[in-house]
Amino acid sequence: MTAKEKLQLRGVIPAIVTPMDEQGKIDFDLLEKQAAYLSGAGVHGFFVGGTTAEGAYLSTEEKGEIFKVVRRVTEGRQFLCAAYIQPSTAAVLEQMRALEATGPDYIVAVTPYYLAMRQEDILQHFRRIAAAAPAPLILYNIPGNTHNPIALETVVGLAEEKNIAGIKDSTGNFVDFSRGVLGKSPEGFVWIQGEDYLDGPALMIGCHGIVTGLGNARIEPYLRIYQAAREADWQTVRECQARINTLYGIIRLCGNSIAAAKAAAELAGRGSRWMRQHSQSLSDAQMKEVAGILREFDSKPD
């Protein structure tokens, strides 16, 4: 694989967690272990500083240090997407400028949040970021967190912009996602699925990649489902999706996808359960329940 091919926005892209100690301070040793696990397994890229990383609660300095650690561990084997989860255009631009020297391969931004936004506001937001971005921009549609969805028509319009590479869709709206994938996007515009329950169906209709937070727990079924889709082995795709659905049991148990992923990483010796918002961290009793689900999952290998 050439260096250019390695940078192509595609494949299995884990949204890496941010391990913290009980006081909410980042544990960089555990971050290295988690990055090494994912990189060594053969993922194609990383989302750094995104939702699963609790990016909205990280300082600019912390994001820069996290990015440097992941860059050092991966040694150029994977592309890195720097997520600037900020509530306004100005805040994204400020953080992007502050971290430009880290050299991300892609920039990620969500819609403005807190205040309600029209689609015209969202168009202008992403156009301004794309015009200033030192790397191609990935649109991140996660209205469950921002409360401002990117309409399909807006995505199609933004796809024409020179420095916009694609979209990560975490809406769970497979109707619009499938319309986008199967519609008339410009050549090179990438559609990435961000809902674990929809990975198999998304790959079956031809999406380019999947971003997973749950993959911090066990990345292997994601790598297998992507490879099976590339080989048009649809039976294996279905089997892998069923495995992912079983793994999703830890999210259903916890009611918080980030806490679930962090708990699983801790149990594997490469993470920590502690959340930046400390009250969201899992109790010892919940950790035992997560461990039980993972034991059952691991007892039925692929």
Protein backbone atom coordinates (compact mmCIF):
# COMPACT_ATOMS: atom_id res chain seq x y z
CA MET A 1 0.00 0.00 0.00
CA THR A 2 1.37 3.41 -0.98
CA ALA A 3 1.53 6.39 1.38
CA LYS A 4 -1.23 8.07 -0.63
CA GLU A 5 -3.49 5.01 -0.32
CA LYS A 6 -2.95 4.95 3.44
CA LEU A 7 -4.35 8.48 3.68
CA GLN A 8 -7.54 7.68 1.78
CA LEU A 9 -10.63 8.30 3.89
CA ARG A 10 -12.10 4.81 4.12
CA GLY A 11 -12.23 1.64 6.18
CA VAL A 12 -12.51 1.06 9.91
CA ILE A 13 -11.93 4.26 11.89
CA PRO A 14 -12.16 3.93 15.67
CA ALA A 15 -13.13 7.01 17.66
CA ILE A 16 -10.52 6.53 20.36
CA VAL A 17 -11.48 7.07 24.01
CA THR A 18 -9.58 9.39 26.34
CA PRO A 19 -8.47 7.41 29.44
CA MET A 20 -8.59 9.48 32.63
CA ASP A 21 -7.83 8.96 36.29
CA GLU A 22 -10.46 9.39 38.98
CA GLN A 23 -9.69 13.12 39.22
CA GLY A 24 -10.34 13.59 35.49
CA LYS A 25 -6.70 13.94 34.47
CA ILE A 26 -5.70 12.25 31.21
CA ASP A 27 -3.74 9.01 31.59
CA PHE A 28 -1.36 9.14 28.64
CA ASP A 29 0.16 5.73 29.37
CA LEU A 30 -3.23 4.08 28.96
CA LEU A 31 -3.90 6.21 25.87
CA GLU A 32 -0.73 4.78 24.33
CA LYS A 33 -1.89 1.24 25.11
CA GLN A 34 -5.30 1.79 23.56
CA ALA A 35 -3.84 3.45 20.46
CA ALA A 36 -1.32 0.60 20.11
CA TYR A 37 -4.08 -2.02 20.36
CA LEU A 38 -6.16 -0.38 17.63
CA SER A 39 -3.24 0.47 15.38
CA GLY A 40 -1.70 -2.99 15.73
CA ALA A 41 -5.02 -4.64 14.87
CA GLY A 42 -4.89 -2.91 11.48
CA VAL A 43 -7.47 -0.15 11.57
CA HIS A 44 -7.35 2.30 8.69
CA GLY A 45 -7.57 5.60 10.59
CA PHE A 46 -8.45 7.28 13.88
CA PHE A 47 -10.99 9.86 15.01
CA VAL A 48 -9.16 11.83 17.72
CA GLY A 49 -10.95 14.23 20.07
CA GLY A 50 -14.44 13.30 18.94
CA THR A 51 -17.57 12.38 20.86
CA THR A 52 -16.21 9.12 22.28
CA ALA A 53 -13.09 11.01 23.37
CA GLU A 54 -15.33 13.45 25.30
CA GLY A 55 -13.94 16.08 22.95
CA ALA A 56 -16.41 18.76 23.99
CA TYR A 57 -14.90 18.62 27.50
CA LEU A 58 -11.23 18.65 26.50
CA SER A 59 -9.11 21.80 26.37
CA THR A 60 -7.25 22.78 23.23
CA GLU A 61 -3.97 21.92 24.94
CA GLU A 62 -5.25 18.48 25.96
CA LYS A 63 -6.42 17.76 22.41
CA GLY A 64 -3.00 18.68 21.07
CA GLU A 65 -1.24 16.34 23.53
CA ILE A 66 -3.64 13.49 22.77
CA PHE A 67 -3.12 13.94 19.04
CA LYS A 68 0.66 13.86 19.46
CA VAL A 69 0.48 10.58 21.40
CA VAL A 70 -1.71 8.90 18.79
CA ARG A 71 0.53 10.20 16.00
CA ARG A 72 3.63 8.83 17.73
CA VAL A 73 2.09 5.42 18.39
CA THR A 74 0.68 4.95 14.89
CA GLU A 75 3.93 5.99 13.15
CA GLY A 76 2.12 6.93 9.94
CA ARG A 77 0.35 3.59 9.55
CA GLN A 78 -3.08 5.24 9.82
CA PHE A 79 -4.57 8.58 8.85
CA LEU A 80 -5.64 10.80 11.75
CA CYS A 81 -8.80 12.89 11.87
CA ALA A 82 -8.73 15.77 14.36
CA ALA A 83 -12.19 16.52 15.71
CA TYR A 84 -12.81 20.07 16.86
CA ILE A 85 -16.09 19.71 18.77
CA GLN A 86 -16.98 23.35 19.35
CA PRO A 87 -20.31 25.23 19.56
CA SER A 88 -19.59 27.97 17.01
CA THR A 89 -17.75 28.63 13.77
CA ALA A 90 -15.36 31.06 15.46
CA ALA A 91 -14.48 28.54 18.17
CA VAL A 92 -13.73 25.82 15.59
CA LEU A 93 -11.52 28.19 13.59
CA GLU A 94 -9.66 29.25 16.73
CA GLN A 95 -8.95 25.68 17.82
CA MET A 96 -8.05 24.64 14.31
CA ARG A 97 -5.45 27.41 14.07
CA ALA A 98 -4.07 26.60 17.52
CA LEU A 99 -3.55 22.93 16.59
CA GLU A 100 -2.52 23.31 12.97
CA ALA A 101 1.09 22.36 13.77
CA THR A 102 -0.03 18.87 14.84
CA GLY A 103 -0.60 18.14 11.14
CA PRO A 104 -3.89 16.19 11.01
CA ASP A 105 -4.76 14.39 7.80
CA TYR A 106 -8.42 15.41 8.13
CA ILE A 107 -10.39 17.98 10.13
CA VAL A 108 -13.76 17.10 11.70
CA ALA A 109 -16.45 19.53 12.81
CA VAL A 110 -20.06 19.27 13.96
CA THR A 111 -22.81 21.80 13.34
CA PRO A 112 -22.98 24.79 15.68
CA TYR A 113 -24.84 23.80 18.83
CA TYR A 114 -26.77 25.25 21.78
CA LEU A 115 -28.70 27.77 19.63
CA ALA A 116 -31.05 26.51 16.92
CA MET A 117 -29.59 26.77 13.40
CA ARG A 118 -31.18 27.06 9.98
CA GLN A 119 -29.73 25.00 7.13
CA GLU A 120 -28.32 28.24 5.67
CA ASP A 121 -26.44 28.83 8.92
CA ILE A 122 -25.04 25.29 8.75
CA LEU A 123 -23.97 25.78 5.13
CA GLN A 124 -22.08 28.95 5.97
CA HIS A 125 -20.52 27.34 9.06
CA PHE A 126 -18.97 24.46 7.13
CA ARG A 127 -17.99 26.59 4.14
CA ARG A 128 -16.02 28.95 6.36
CA ILE A 129 -14.27 26.06 8.10
CA ALA A 130 -13.48 24.30 4.82
CA ALA A 131 -12.03 27.51 3.34
CA ALA A 132 -9.66 27.92 6.29
CA ALA A 133 -8.88 24.27 7.02
CA PRO A 134 -5.28 23.06 6.52
CA ALA A 135 -6.62 19.59 5.65
CA PRO A 136 -9.82 18.23 4.08
CA LEU A 137 -12.93 18.67 6.23
CA ILE A 138 -15.25 15.85 7.33
CA LEU A 139 -18.81 16.90 8.13
CA TYR A 140 -20.05 15.28 11.34
CA ASN A 141 -23.81 14.87 11.60
CA ILE A 142 -24.79 13.98 15.18
CA PRO A 143 -28.06 15.81 15.96
CA GLY A 144 -28.61 13.73 19.11
CA ASN A 145 -25.83 15.85 20.62
CA THR A 146 -25.93 19.11 18.66
CA HIS A 147 -29.73 19.24 18.13
CA ASN A 148 -29.01 20.77 14.72
CA PRO A 149 -29.13 18.10 11.99
CA ILE A 150 -27.52 18.51 8.59
CA ALA A 151 -30.28 17.94 6.05
CA LEU A 152 -29.48 15.64 3.14
CA GLU A 153 -29.90 18.54 0.71
CA THR A 154 -27.35 20.54 2.70
CA VAL A 155 -24.89 17.62 2.61
CA VAL A 156 -25.29 17.37 -1.15
CA GLY A 157 -24.63 21.08 -1.50
CA LEU A 158 -21.54 20.97 0.72
CA ALA A 159 -20.22 17.93 -1.16
CA GLU A 160 -19.48 20.27 -4.07
CA GLU A 161 -17.03 22.31 -1.95
CA LYS A 162 -13.38 21.85 -2.84
CA ASN A 163 -12.02 21.06 0.63
CA ILE A 164 -14.84 18.90 2.00
CA ALA A 165 -13.93 15.20 1.93
CA GLY A 166 -17.06 13.50 3.22
CA ILE A 167 -19.48 13.00 6.07
CA LYS A 168 -19.66 10.88 9.18
CA ASP A 169 -23.34 10.18 9.76
CA SER A 170 -24.34 9.38 13.35
CA THR A 171 -28.03 10.18 12.94
CA GLY A 172 -29.25 6.59 12.80
CA ASN A 173 -31.41 7.78 9.88
CA PHE A 174 -30.70 5.04 7.35
CA VAL A 175 -33.24 6.38 4.88
CA ASP A 176 -31.33 9.61 4.25
CA PHE A 177 -27.95 7.89 4.56
CA SER A 178 -28.84 5.34 1.89
CA ARG A 179 -30.24 8.10 -0.33
CA GLY A 180 -26.93 9.90 0.02
CA VAL A 181 -24.74 6.87 -0.67
CA LEU A 182 -26.82 5.82 -3.66
CA GLY A 183 -27.41 9.36 -4.91
CA LYS A 184 -25.30 11.63 -7.06
CA SER A 185 -22.40 12.80 -4.91
CA PRO A 186 -19.30 14.28 -6.54
CA GLU A 187 -16.56 11.76 -7.23
CA GLY A 188 -14.39 11.38 -4.16
CA PHE A 189 -17.00 12.46 -1.60
CA VAL A 190 -17.03 9.86 1.16
CA TRP A 191 -19.98 8.50 3.16
CA ILE A 192 -19.09 7.06 6.57
CA GLN A 193 -21.50 5.31 8.90
CA GLY A 194 -21.28 6.25 12.57
CA GLU A 195 -23.99 4.05 14.10
CA ASP A 196 -22.73 0.57 15.02
CA TYR A 197 -26.12 -1.07 14.51
CA LEU A 198 -26.07 0.07 10.86
CA ASP A 199 -22.52 -0.91 9.87
CA GLY A 200 -23.52 -4.03 7.93
CA PRO A 201 -26.42 -2.45 6.03
CA ALA A 202 -24.30 0.64 5.27
CA LEU A 203 -21.45 -1.45 3.86
CA MET A 204 -23.91 -3.52 1.84
CA ILE A 205 -25.10 -0.43 -0.03
CA GLY A 206 -21.56 0.77 -0.68
CA CYS A 207 -20.55 3.21 2.04
CA HIS A 208 -16.82 3.90 2.26
CA GLY A 209 -16.16 3.29 5.92
CA ILE A 210 -17.35 3.04 9.50
CA VAL A 211 -16.46 5.04 12.58
CA THR A 212 -16.94 3.17 15.83
CA GLY A 213 -16.67 4.13 19.48
CA LEU A 214 -17.71 0.66 20.64
CA GLY A 215 -14.73 -0.73 18.73
CA ASN A 216 -12.56 0.50 21.61
CA ALA A 217 -13.86 -2.61 23.39
CA ARG A 218 -13.23 -5.15 20.63
CA ILE A 219 -12.14 -3.95 17.19
CA GLU A 220 -11.90 -7.35 15.48
CA PRO A 221 -15.54 -7.74 14.31
CA TYR A 222 -15.35 -4.31 12.67
CA LEU A 223 -12.25 -5.18 10.72
CA ARG A 224 -13.80 -8.46 9.66
CA ILE A 225 -17.10 -6.91 8.57
CA TYR A 226 -15.31 -4.33 6.45
CA GLN A 227 -13.11 -6.93 4.76
CA ALA A 228 -16.09 -9.20 4.15
CA ALA A 229 -17.97 -6.33 2.50
CA ARG A 230 -15.00 -5.63 0.23
CA GLU A 231 -15.11 -9.29 -0.83
CA ALA A 232 -18.91 -9.21 -1.27
CA ASP A 233 -19.18 -11.95 1.37
CA TRP A 234 -22.60 -10.88 2.56
CA GLN A 235 -23.18 -13.89 4.81
CA THR A 236 -20.07 -12.97 6.83
CA VAL A 237 -21.24 -9.34 6.90
CA ARG A 238 -24.52 -10.47 8.46
CA GLU A 239 -22.70 -12.68 10.98
CA CYS A 240 -20.36 -9.85 11.97
CA GLN A 241 -23.25 -7.44 12.37
CA ALA A 242 -24.89 -9.92 14.72
CA ARG A 243 -21.64 -10.03 16.72
CA ILE A 244 -21.54 -6.24 16.90
CA ASN A 245 -25.17 -6.21 18.03
CA THR A 246 -24.23 -8.57 20.87
CA LEU A 247 -21.29 -6.36 21.85
CA TYR A 248 -23.70 -3.42 21.86
CA GLY A 249 -25.20 -5.02 24.95
CA ILE A 250 -22.69 -3.12 27.09
CA ILE A 251 -24.11 0.17 25.78
CA ARG A 252 -27.67 -0.95 26.46
CA LEU A 253 -26.58 -1.92 29.98
CA CYS A 254 -24.79 1.36 30.71
CA GLY A 255 -27.10 3.73 28.88
CA ASN A 256 -24.00 5.68 27.87
CA SER A 257 -21.93 4.61 24.88
CA ILE A 258 -18.78 6.42 26.03
CA ALA A 259 -18.89 4.98 29.56
CA ALA A 260 -19.43 1.52 28.07
CA ALA A 261 -16.45 1.79 25.75
CA LYS A 262 -14.23 3.12 28.53
CA ALA A 263 -15.32 0.36 30.90
CA ALA A 264 -14.50 -2.33 28.35
CA ALA A 265 -11.08 -0.79 27.69
CA GLU A 266 -10.33 -0.77 31.42
CA LEU A 267 -11.27 -4.44 31.73
CA ALA A 268 -8.85 -5.18 28.89
CA GLY A 269 -6.04 -3.36 30.71
CA ARG A 270 -5.79 -0.53 28.20
CA GLY A 271 -8.17 2.06 29.53
CA SER A 272 -9.99 3.58 32.46
CA ARG A 273 -13.67 3.83 33.32
CA TRP A 274 -13.48 7.40 34.61
CA MET A 275 -15.40 10.08 32.75
CA ARG A 276 -14.53 13.79 32.68
CA GLN A 277 -18.01 14.36 34.12
CA HIS A 278 -17.23 12.12 37.08
CA SER A 279 -20.84 11.24 37.93
CA GLN A 280 -21.16 9.47 34.56
CA SER A 281 -18.50 6.90 35.49
CA LEU A 282 -19.64 3.31 36.03
CA SER A 283 -19.88 1.80 39.50
CA ASP A 284 -18.12 -1.40 40.54
CA ALA A 285 -21.42 -3.25 40.23
CA GLN A 286 -21.90 -2.00 36.67
CA MET A 287 -18.31 -2.93 35.81
CA LYS A 288 -19.05 -6.51 36.88
CA GLU A 289 -22.08 -6.59 34.58
CA VAL A 290 -20.01 -5.26 31.67
CA ALA A 291 -17.39 -7.93 32.38
CA GLY A 292 -20.09 -10.59 32.22
CA ILE A 293 -21.31 -9.43 28.79
CA LEU A 294 -17.74 -9.33 27.47
CA ARG A 295 -17.01 -12.84 28.79
CA GLU A 296 -20.06 -14.14 26.97
CA PHE A 297 -19.02 -12.27 23.82
CA ASP A 298 -15.47 -13.62 23.96
CA SER A 299 -16.67 -17.16 24.59
CA LYS A 300 -18.24 -17.24 21.14
CA PRO A 301 -15.36 -16.27 18.84
CA ASP A 302 -15.83 -15.66 15.12
